[in-house]
């Protein structure tokens, strides 16, 4: 597949603690099992630096994504699965610029504020915990208003992650 051809891009979004990274991991495992050529990226890792980038690292992330997507394509990737908290549908144009000919779908993972806060408390043991808790609630409100998603999947406590990932991929038409 050449870089100029159609590029299915599935963005798994949701607030902090919704399960984006966890679902991304199981979804890529399912795609590997099905032998679907793809790349999977937790886009937060494309923003990590000091000094902190402006705009929550969005511009830096897009530049990094644009630089590495052709490398993935050259290695055989035909689809791209990413995890990232979106705040507005207008951000999708940036994804289309970074991934030429992207056919973008957005899946939003939903969980209650209490469940997301509990997940953040369990995994964030350092200085970022309080900021993460506050940002999680704020981001959930922003996403509720902006309707960034094409479809939603409920990720309340107790759901089996592999079945959740399978549901995400099936709703996107990838499995």
N, C-alpha and C. Protein backbone atom coordinates (compact mmCIF):
# COMPACT_ATOMS: atom_id res chain seq x y z
N UNK A 1 0.85 -1.19 0.00
CA UNK A 1 0.00 0.00 0.00
C UNK A 1 0.89 1.24 0.00
N UNK A 2 0.70 2.14 -0.90
CA UNK A 2 1.47 3.36 -0.96
C UNK A 2 0.93 4.43 -0.06
N UNK A 3 1.73 5.43 0.19
CA UNK A 3 1.34 6.52 1.10
C UNK A 3 0.17 7.32 0.55
N UNK A 4 -0.05 7.31 -0.77
CA UNK A 4 -1.12 8.10 -1.36
C UNK A 4 -2.48 7.39 -1.35
N UNK A 5 -2.49 6.11 -0.94
CA UNK A 5 -3.74 5.36 -0.94
C UNK A 5 -4.53 5.60 0.35
N UNK A 6 -5.75 5.12 0.37
CA UNK A 6 -6.64 5.24 1.53
C UNK A 6 -5.95 4.69 2.77
N UNK A 7 -6.08 5.40 3.90
CA UNK A 7 -5.46 4.99 5.15
C UNK A 7 -6.51 4.99 6.25
N UNK A 8 -7.11 3.83 6.55
CA UNK A 8 -8.06 3.77 7.66
C UNK A 8 -7.36 4.16 8.97
N UNK A 9 -7.95 5.12 9.67
CA UNK A 9 -7.40 5.62 10.93
C UNK A 9 -8.51 5.59 11.98
N UNK A 10 -8.28 4.83 13.05
CA UNK A 10 -9.24 4.74 14.14
C UNK A 10 -8.63 5.40 15.36
N UNK A 11 -9.30 6.44 15.83
CA UNK A 11 -8.87 7.16 17.03
C UNK A 11 -9.73 6.69 18.19
N UNK A 12 -9.08 6.14 19.20
CA UNK A 12 -9.78 5.78 20.44
C UNK A 12 -9.61 6.96 21.38
N UNK A 13 -10.72 7.59 21.71
CA UNK A 13 -10.66 8.78 22.55
C UNK A 13 -11.49 8.56 23.81
N UNK A 14 -11.46 9.50 24.66
CA UNK A 14 -12.17 9.48 25.93
C UNK A 14 -11.37 10.33 26.89
N UNK A 15 -11.90 10.53 28.06
CA UNK A 15 -11.20 11.33 29.04
C UNK A 15 -10.08 10.53 29.67
N UNK A 16 -9.33 11.16 30.54
CA UNK A 16 -8.26 10.49 31.27
C UNK A 16 -8.90 9.46 32.19
N UNK A 17 -8.46 8.21 32.06
CA UNK A 17 -9.03 7.14 32.86
C UNK A 17 -10.16 6.39 32.19
N UNK A 18 -10.49 6.75 30.95
CA UNK A 18 -11.57 6.06 30.23
C UNK A 18 -11.13 4.70 29.71
N UNK A 19 -9.82 4.48 29.57
CA UNK A 19 -9.31 3.19 29.13
C UNK A 19 -8.71 3.18 27.75
N UNK A 20 -8.36 4.32 27.21
CA UNK A 20 -7.85 4.42 25.84
C UNK A 20 -6.62 3.54 25.61
N UNK A 21 -5.62 3.67 26.45
CA UNK A 21 -4.37 2.94 26.26
C UNK A 21 -4.58 1.44 26.46
N UNK A 22 -5.36 1.07 27.44
CA UNK A 22 -5.62 -0.35 27.70
C UNK A 22 -6.35 -0.98 26.52
N UNK A 23 -7.37 -0.31 26.01
CA UNK A 23 -8.12 -0.85 24.87
C UNK A 23 -7.24 -0.87 23.63
N UNK A 24 -6.41 0.14 23.43
CA UNK A 24 -5.47 0.15 22.31
C UNK A 24 -4.60 -1.09 22.33
N UNK A 25 -4.07 -1.45 23.49
CA UNK A 25 -3.21 -2.62 23.60
C UNK A 25 -3.91 -3.91 23.21
N UNK A 26 -5.13 -4.11 23.71
CA UNK A 26 -5.86 -5.33 23.35
C UNK A 26 -6.32 -5.30 21.89
N UNK A 27 -6.69 -4.13 21.39
CA UNK A 27 -7.13 -4.02 20.00
C UNK A 27 -5.98 -4.37 19.05
N UNK A 28 -4.79 -3.91 19.34
CA UNK A 28 -3.67 -4.24 18.46
C UNK A 28 -3.36 -5.74 18.53
N UNK A 29 -3.52 -6.34 19.69
CA UNK A 29 -3.36 -7.79 19.79
C UNK A 29 -4.36 -8.54 18.94
N UNK A 30 -5.61 -8.10 18.95
CA UNK A 30 -6.65 -8.72 18.13
C UNK A 30 -6.34 -8.55 16.64
N UNK A 31 -5.87 -7.37 16.25
CA UNK A 31 -5.52 -7.13 14.85
C UNK A 31 -4.33 -8.00 14.43
N UNK A 32 -3.37 -8.18 15.32
CA UNK A 32 -2.23 -9.07 15.02
C UNK A 32 -2.72 -10.50 14.84
N UNK A 33 -3.59 -10.95 15.74
CA UNK A 33 -4.14 -12.30 15.62
C UNK A 33 -4.87 -12.50 14.30
N UNK A 34 -5.55 -11.44 13.83
CA UNK A 34 -6.30 -11.51 12.57
C UNK A 34 -5.42 -11.21 11.36
N UNK A 35 -4.13 -10.96 11.62
CA UNK A 35 -3.16 -10.66 10.57
C UNK A 35 -3.54 -9.42 9.74
N UNK A 36 -4.03 -8.40 10.43
CA UNK A 36 -4.37 -7.13 9.80
C UNK A 36 -3.15 -6.21 9.92
N UNK A 37 -2.53 -5.84 8.79
CA UNK A 37 -1.35 -4.96 8.85
C UNK A 37 -1.73 -3.58 9.39
N UNK A 38 -1.11 -3.20 10.48
CA UNK A 38 -1.46 -1.94 11.12
C UNK A 38 -0.30 -1.44 11.98
N UNK A 39 -0.42 -0.20 12.40
CA UNK A 39 0.45 0.38 13.42
C UNK A 39 -0.47 0.87 14.53
N UNK A 40 0.03 0.85 15.76
CA UNK A 40 -0.74 1.31 16.92
C UNK A 40 0.15 2.24 17.74
N UNK A 41 -0.39 3.40 18.09
CA UNK A 41 0.40 4.40 18.80
C UNK A 41 -0.45 5.05 19.89
N UNK A 42 0.08 5.08 21.12
CA UNK A 42 -0.49 5.94 22.15
C UNK A 42 0.13 7.31 21.91
N UNK A 43 -0.64 8.21 21.37
CA UNK A 43 -0.09 9.49 20.91
C UNK A 43 0.44 10.37 22.03
N UNK A 44 0.05 10.11 23.27
CA UNK A 44 0.61 10.90 24.37
C UNK A 44 2.13 10.81 24.40
N UNK A 45 2.69 9.67 23.99
CA UNK A 45 4.13 9.50 24.01
C UNK A 45 4.83 10.36 22.96
N UNK A 46 4.09 10.87 21.99
CA UNK A 46 4.69 11.75 20.98
C UNK A 46 4.72 13.21 21.44
N UNK A 47 4.33 13.45 22.70
CA UNK A 47 4.28 14.82 23.23
C UNK A 47 5.21 15.02 24.42
N UNK A 48 5.84 13.96 24.89
CA UNK A 48 6.61 14.02 26.13
C UNK A 48 7.94 14.72 25.91
N UNK A 49 8.12 15.83 26.61
CA UNK A 49 9.37 16.57 26.54
C UNK A 49 9.38 17.65 27.61
N UNK A 50 10.53 18.26 27.78
CA UNK A 50 10.66 19.45 28.63
C UNK A 50 11.43 20.48 27.84
N UNK A 51 11.02 21.71 27.81
CA UNK A 51 9.88 22.24 28.53
C UNK A 51 8.57 21.73 27.93
N UNK A 52 7.53 21.76 28.76
CA UNK A 52 6.23 21.28 28.30
C UNK A 52 5.81 22.00 27.03
N UNK A 53 5.37 21.24 26.04
CA UNK A 53 4.91 21.88 24.80
C UNK A 53 3.59 22.61 25.02
N UNK A 54 3.36 23.60 24.20
CA UNK A 54 2.09 24.33 24.27
C UNK A 54 0.97 23.44 23.77
N UNK A 55 -0.24 23.83 23.91
CA UNK A 55 -1.47 23.17 23.43
C UNK A 55 -1.54 21.68 23.76
N UNK A 56 -1.12 21.34 24.98
CA UNK A 56 -1.09 19.94 25.43
C UNK A 56 -0.29 19.06 24.46
N UNK A 57 0.65 19.66 23.74
CA UNK A 57 1.51 18.92 22.84
C UNK A 57 0.90 18.57 21.50
N UNK A 58 -0.27 19.14 21.19
CA UNK A 58 -0.97 18.77 19.95
C UNK A 58 -0.12 19.03 18.70
N UNK A 59 0.46 20.21 18.58
CA UNK A 59 1.25 20.54 17.38
C UNK A 59 2.48 19.65 17.26
N UNK A 60 3.17 19.42 18.37
CA UNK A 60 4.33 18.54 18.37
C UNK A 60 3.92 17.12 18.00
N UNK A 61 2.83 16.66 18.56
CA UNK A 61 2.33 15.31 18.28
C UNK A 61 2.01 15.15 16.79
N UNK A 62 1.35 16.13 16.20
CA UNK A 62 1.00 16.05 14.78
C UNK A 62 2.24 16.04 13.90
N UNK A 63 3.23 16.84 14.24
CA UNK A 63 4.48 16.84 13.47
C UNK A 63 5.17 15.48 13.58
N UNK A 64 5.19 14.92 14.79
CA UNK A 64 5.80 13.60 14.98
C UNK A 64 5.02 12.52 14.24
N UNK A 65 3.70 12.58 14.29
CA UNK A 65 2.88 11.59 13.59
C UNK A 65 3.11 11.66 12.08
N UNK A 66 3.16 12.87 11.55
CA UNK A 66 3.42 13.03 10.11
C UNK A 66 4.78 12.48 9.72
N UNK A 67 5.74 12.58 10.61
CA UNK A 67 7.08 12.08 10.31
C UNK A 67 7.15 10.55 10.37
N UNK A 68 6.42 9.92 11.28
CA UNK A 68 6.57 8.47 11.43
C UNK A 68 5.57 7.65 10.61
N UNK A 69 4.44 8.23 10.22
CA UNK A 69 3.47 7.45 9.45
C UNK A 69 4.09 6.86 8.16
N UNK A 70 4.84 7.63 7.37
CA UNK A 70 5.45 7.04 6.17
C UNK A 70 6.40 5.87 6.49
N UNK A 71 7.04 5.91 7.64
CA UNK A 71 7.92 4.81 8.03
C UNK A 71 7.10 3.55 8.29
N UNK A 72 5.97 3.71 8.99
CA UNK A 72 5.09 2.57 9.21
C UNK A 72 4.55 2.00 7.90
N UNK A 73 4.16 2.88 6.98
CA UNK A 73 3.66 2.42 5.68
C UNK A 73 4.73 1.64 4.93
N UNK A 74 5.96 2.17 4.92
CA UNK A 74 7.06 1.48 4.24
C UNK A 74 7.32 0.10 4.85
N UNK A 75 7.01 -0.04 6.14
CA UNK A 75 7.21 -1.32 6.82
C UNK A 75 6.01 -2.26 6.65
N UNK A 76 4.93 -1.77 6.00
CA UNK A 76 3.80 -2.64 5.71
C UNK A 76 2.49 -2.31 6.39
N UNK A 77 2.45 -1.29 7.24
CA UNK A 77 1.19 -0.91 7.90
C UNK A 77 0.19 -0.39 6.87
N UNK A 78 -1.04 -0.84 6.99
CA UNK A 78 -2.10 -0.38 6.10
C UNK A 78 -3.20 0.37 6.85
N UNK A 79 -3.17 0.28 8.16
CA UNK A 79 -4.15 0.96 9.01
C UNK A 79 -3.40 1.56 10.18
N UNK A 80 -4.05 2.54 10.81
CA UNK A 80 -3.45 3.18 11.97
C UNK A 80 -4.48 3.26 13.08
N UNK A 81 -4.09 2.76 14.25
CA UNK A 81 -4.92 2.77 15.44
C UNK A 81 -4.21 3.62 16.48
N UNK A 82 -4.89 4.65 16.98
CA UNK A 82 -4.24 5.55 17.95
C UNK A 82 -5.14 5.79 19.15
N UNK A 83 -4.52 6.14 20.26
CA UNK A 83 -5.23 6.55 21.46
C UNK A 83 -4.85 7.99 21.75
N UNK A 84 -5.87 8.83 21.94
CA UNK A 84 -5.61 10.24 22.26
C UNK A 84 -6.93 10.90 22.66
N UNK A 85 -6.87 11.73 23.66
CA UNK A 85 -8.05 12.49 24.08
C UNK A 85 -8.26 13.66 23.13
N UNK A 86 -9.39 13.64 22.42
CA UNK A 86 -9.75 14.74 21.52
C UNK A 86 -10.67 15.71 22.24
N UNK A 87 -10.56 16.96 21.89
CA UNK A 87 -11.45 17.97 22.48
C UNK A 87 -12.42 18.54 21.48
N UNK A 88 -12.14 18.39 20.19
CA UNK A 88 -12.98 19.01 19.17
C UNK A 88 -12.85 18.24 17.86
N UNK A 89 -13.94 18.17 17.10
CA UNK A 89 -13.89 17.52 15.78
C UNK A 89 -12.98 18.29 14.82
N UNK A 90 -12.75 19.56 15.09
CA UNK A 90 -11.86 20.33 14.22
C UNK A 90 -10.43 19.77 14.24
N UNK A 91 -10.05 19.05 15.30
CA UNK A 91 -8.72 18.43 15.36
C UNK A 91 -8.54 17.37 14.28
N UNK A 92 -9.63 16.82 13.77
CA UNK A 92 -9.53 15.73 12.79
C UNK A 92 -8.83 16.17 11.51
N UNK A 93 -8.94 17.44 11.16
CA UNK A 93 -8.23 17.93 9.98
C UNK A 93 -6.72 17.83 10.17
N UNK A 94 -6.25 18.02 11.39
CA UNK A 94 -4.82 17.87 11.67
C UNK A 94 -4.39 16.41 11.46
N UNK A 95 -5.24 15.47 11.86
CA UNK A 95 -4.94 14.05 11.65
C UNK A 95 -4.89 13.74 10.15
N UNK A 96 -5.81 14.32 9.40
CA UNK A 96 -5.82 14.07 7.95
C UNK A 96 -4.59 14.65 7.27
N UNK A 97 -4.07 15.74 7.78
CA UNK A 97 -2.83 16.29 7.23
C UNK A 97 -1.64 15.41 7.60
N UNK A 98 -1.61 14.91 8.83
CA UNK A 98 -0.49 14.09 9.29
C UNK A 98 -0.49 12.71 8.64
N UNK A 99 -1.68 12.19 8.37
CA UNK A 99 -1.83 10.86 7.76
C UNK A 99 -2.57 11.06 6.44
N UNK A 100 -1.84 11.28 5.35
CA UNK A 100 -2.49 11.57 4.07
C UNK A 100 -3.55 10.53 3.70
N UNK A 101 -4.67 11.02 3.23
CA UNK A 101 -5.79 10.19 2.78
C UNK A 101 -6.39 9.36 3.91
N UNK A 102 -6.29 9.88 5.12
CA UNK A 102 -6.85 9.16 6.26
C UNK A 102 -8.36 9.10 6.16
N UNK A 103 -8.88 7.92 6.38
CA UNK A 103 -10.31 7.67 6.51
C UNK A 103 -10.56 7.54 8.01
N UNK A 104 -10.91 8.66 8.65
CA UNK A 104 -10.90 8.76 10.11
C UNK A 104 -12.24 8.34 10.71
N UNK A 105 -12.14 7.49 11.74
CA UNK A 105 -13.27 7.17 12.60
C UNK A 105 -12.83 7.44 14.04
N UNK A 106 -13.77 7.89 14.85
CA UNK A 106 -13.47 8.19 16.25
C UNK A 106 -14.40 7.39 17.15
N UNK A 107 -13.81 6.60 18.02
CA UNK A 107 -14.54 5.85 19.03
C UNK A 107 -14.27 6.51 20.38
N UNK A 108 -15.32 6.92 21.05
CA UNK A 108 -15.16 7.48 22.40
C UNK A 108 -15.52 6.43 23.44
N UNK A 109 -14.60 6.20 24.35
CA UNK A 109 -14.86 5.31 25.47
C UNK A 109 -15.52 6.13 26.58
N UNK A 110 -16.62 5.61 27.08
CA UNK A 110 -17.36 6.31 28.13
C UNK A 110 -17.24 5.56 29.45
N UNK A 111 -17.04 6.31 30.51
CA UNK A 111 -17.04 5.78 31.87
C UNK A 111 -17.49 6.92 32.78
N UNK A 112 -18.01 6.58 33.92
CA UNK A 112 -18.44 7.61 34.86
C UNK A 112 -17.23 8.36 35.40
N UNK A 113 -17.46 9.57 35.85
CA UNK A 113 -16.39 10.37 36.46
C UNK A 113 -15.77 9.60 37.62
N UNK A 114 -16.60 8.94 38.43
CA UNK A 114 -16.09 8.19 39.58
C UNK A 114 -15.18 7.04 39.13
N UNK A 115 -15.58 6.29 38.11
CA UNK A 115 -14.74 5.19 37.63
C UNK A 115 -13.44 5.69 37.03
N UNK A 116 -13.51 6.77 36.26
CA UNK A 116 -12.28 7.32 35.68
C UNK A 116 -11.36 7.81 36.78
N UNK A 117 -11.92 8.47 37.79
CA UNK A 117 -11.11 8.97 38.91
C UNK A 117 -10.44 7.82 39.65
N UNK A 118 -11.16 6.73 39.85
CA UNK A 118 -10.57 5.57 40.53
C UNK A 118 -9.42 4.99 39.71
N UNK A 119 -9.59 4.92 38.40
CA UNK A 119 -8.50 4.42 37.54
C UNK A 119 -7.28 5.32 37.61
N UNK A 120 -7.51 6.64 37.61
CA UNK A 120 -6.39 7.59 37.70
C UNK A 120 -5.70 7.43 39.05
N UNK A 121 -6.47 7.32 40.12
CA UNK A 121 -5.87 7.15 41.46
C UNK A 121 -5.02 5.88 41.54
N UNK A 122 -5.46 4.80 40.92
CA UNK A 122 -4.72 3.54 40.97
C UNK A 122 -3.41 3.62 40.19
N UNK A 123 -3.40 4.31 39.06
CA UNK A 123 -2.20 4.26 38.23
C UNK A 123 -1.27 5.44 38.42
N UNK A 124 -1.77 6.57 38.84
CA UNK A 124 -0.93 7.77 39.00
C UNK A 124 -0.55 7.91 40.47
N UNK A 125 0.68 7.54 40.78
CA UNK A 125 1.10 7.58 42.18
C UNK A 125 2.00 8.79 42.47
N UNK A 126 2.32 9.53 41.44
CA UNK A 126 3.26 10.65 41.60
C UNK A 126 2.58 12.00 41.62
N UNK A 127 3.37 12.98 41.24
CA UNK A 127 2.95 14.38 41.34
C UNK A 127 1.83 14.75 40.36
N UNK A 128 1.59 13.93 39.34
CA UNK A 128 0.59 14.28 38.33
C UNK A 128 -0.83 13.86 38.74
N UNK A 129 -0.98 13.12 39.84
CA UNK A 129 -2.28 12.56 40.23
C UNK A 129 -3.37 13.63 40.34
N UNK A 130 -3.15 14.67 41.10
CA UNK A 130 -4.20 15.68 41.33
C UNK A 130 -4.55 16.41 40.04
N UNK A 131 -3.55 16.75 39.26
CA UNK A 131 -3.81 17.40 37.97
C UNK A 131 -4.59 16.47 37.05
N UNK A 132 -4.22 15.19 37.03
CA UNK A 132 -4.92 14.21 36.20
C UNK A 132 -6.37 14.05 36.60
N UNK A 133 -6.64 14.03 37.90
CA UNK A 133 -8.02 13.92 38.37
C UNK A 133 -8.85 15.12 37.94
N UNK A 134 -8.30 16.31 38.10
CA UNK A 134 -9.03 17.52 37.70
C UNK A 134 -9.22 17.57 36.19
N UNK A 135 -8.18 17.24 35.46
CA UNK A 135 -8.25 17.28 33.99
C UNK A 135 -9.21 16.23 33.45
N UNK A 136 -9.32 15.09 34.10
CA UNK A 136 -10.23 14.04 33.65
C UNK A 136 -11.67 14.53 33.66
N UNK A 137 -12.08 15.14 34.74
CA UNK A 137 -13.46 15.65 34.83
C UNK A 137 -13.69 16.77 33.83
N UNK A 138 -12.71 17.67 33.71
CA UNK A 138 -12.83 18.78 32.75
C UNK A 138 -12.93 18.25 31.33
N UNK A 139 -12.07 17.32 30.97
CA UNK A 139 -12.06 16.77 29.62
C UNK A 139 -13.35 16.03 29.30
N UNK A 140 -13.91 15.33 30.26
CA UNK A 140 -15.19 14.64 30.04
C UNK A 140 -16.29 15.65 29.71
N UNK A 141 -16.30 16.77 30.42
CA UNK A 141 -17.31 17.81 30.13
C UNK A 141 -17.11 18.39 28.74
N UNK A 142 -15.85 18.64 28.36
CA UNK A 142 -15.55 19.18 27.02
C UNK A 142 -16.03 18.19 25.95
N UNK A 143 -15.71 16.91 26.12
CA UNK A 143 -16.10 15.91 25.13
C UNK A 143 -17.62 15.72 25.08
N UNK A 144 -18.29 15.84 26.21
CA UNK A 144 -19.76 15.76 26.22
C UNK A 144 -20.36 16.85 25.34
N UNK A 145 -19.78 18.05 25.40
CA UNK A 145 -20.31 19.19 24.63
C UNK A 145 -19.91 19.13 23.16
N UNK A 146 -18.70 18.67 22.87
CA UNK A 146 -18.18 18.78 21.50
C UNK A 146 -18.55 17.61 20.61
N UNK A 147 -19.00 16.50 21.18
CA UNK A 147 -19.41 15.33 20.39
C UNK A 147 -18.33 14.96 19.37
N UNK A 148 -17.15 14.63 19.87
CA UNK A 148 -16.00 14.32 19.02
C UNK A 148 -16.12 12.98 18.33
N UNK A 149 -17.00 12.11 18.80
CA UNK A 149 -17.01 10.71 18.38
C UNK A 149 -17.96 10.43 17.23
N UNK A 150 -17.63 9.36 16.49
CA UNK A 150 -18.55 8.78 15.51
C UNK A 150 -19.42 7.73 16.19
N UNK A 151 -18.85 7.05 17.19
CA UNK A 151 -19.61 6.09 17.99
C UNK A 151 -18.99 6.00 19.37
N UNK A 152 -19.78 5.50 20.33
CA UNK A 152 -19.31 5.36 21.70
C UNK A 152 -19.39 3.91 22.15
N UNK A 153 -18.54 3.58 23.09
CA UNK A 153 -18.52 2.26 23.71
C UNK A 153 -18.46 2.49 25.22
N UNK A 154 -19.31 1.81 25.96
CA UNK A 154 -19.33 1.93 27.41
C UNK A 154 -18.18 1.13 28.00
N UNK A 155 -17.37 1.79 28.81
CA UNK A 155 -16.25 1.12 29.47
C UNK A 155 -16.33 1.31 30.98
N UNK A 156 -17.46 0.96 31.53
CA UNK A 156 -17.61 1.02 32.98
C UNK A 156 -16.82 -0.10 33.62
N UNK A 157 -16.63 -0.02 34.90
CA UNK A 157 -15.85 -1.01 35.65
C UNK A 157 -16.42 -2.41 35.43
N UNK A 158 -15.52 -3.37 35.35
CA UNK A 158 -15.93 -4.76 35.24
C UNK A 158 -16.02 -5.32 33.82
N UNK A 159 -15.88 -4.47 32.81
CA UNK A 159 -15.94 -4.98 31.44
C UNK A 159 -14.65 -5.72 31.10
N UNK A 160 -14.77 -6.78 30.35
CA UNK A 160 -13.61 -7.54 29.87
C UNK A 160 -12.93 -6.71 28.77
N UNK A 161 -11.64 -6.43 28.95
CA UNK A 161 -10.92 -5.54 28.03
C UNK A 161 -10.86 -6.11 26.62
N UNK A 162 -10.63 -7.39 26.49
CA UNK A 162 -10.53 -7.98 25.16
C UNK A 162 -11.87 -7.90 24.44
N UNK A 163 -12.95 -8.16 25.13
CA UNK A 163 -14.28 -8.04 24.51
C UNK A 163 -14.59 -6.59 24.16
N UNK A 164 -14.17 -5.67 25.01
CA UNK A 164 -14.34 -4.25 24.75
C UNK A 164 -13.57 -3.85 23.49
N UNK A 165 -12.31 -4.30 23.38
CA UNK A 165 -11.50 -4.00 22.20
C UNK A 165 -12.13 -4.62 20.95
N UNK A 166 -12.64 -5.83 21.07
CA UNK A 166 -13.30 -6.49 19.95
C UNK A 166 -14.53 -5.68 19.50
N UNK A 167 -15.27 -5.16 20.46
CA UNK A 167 -16.44 -4.33 20.13
C UNK A 167 -16.03 -3.05 19.41
N UNK A 168 -14.96 -2.41 19.88
CA UNK A 168 -14.46 -1.20 19.22
C UNK A 168 -14.10 -1.49 17.78
N UNK A 169 -13.34 -2.55 17.55
CA UNK A 169 -12.90 -2.90 16.19
C UNK A 169 -14.08 -3.33 15.31
N UNK A 170 -15.02 -4.04 15.88
CA UNK A 170 -16.19 -4.45 15.10
C UNK A 170 -17.04 -3.24 14.70
N UNK A 171 -17.25 -2.32 15.63
CA UNK A 171 -18.03 -1.11 15.31
C UNK A 171 -17.34 -0.28 14.23
N UNK A 172 -16.02 -0.31 14.21
CA UNK A 172 -15.27 0.42 13.19
C UNK A 172 -15.20 -0.32 11.87
N UNK A 173 -15.64 -1.59 11.86
CA UNK A 173 -15.58 -2.40 10.65
C UNK A 173 -14.20 -2.97 10.38
N UNK A 174 -13.36 -3.07 11.40
CA UNK A 174 -12.00 -3.56 11.25
C UNK A 174 -11.89 -5.05 11.52
N UNK A 175 -12.86 -5.65 12.18
CA UNK A 175 -12.88 -7.10 12.43
C UNK A 175 -14.24 -7.64 12.08
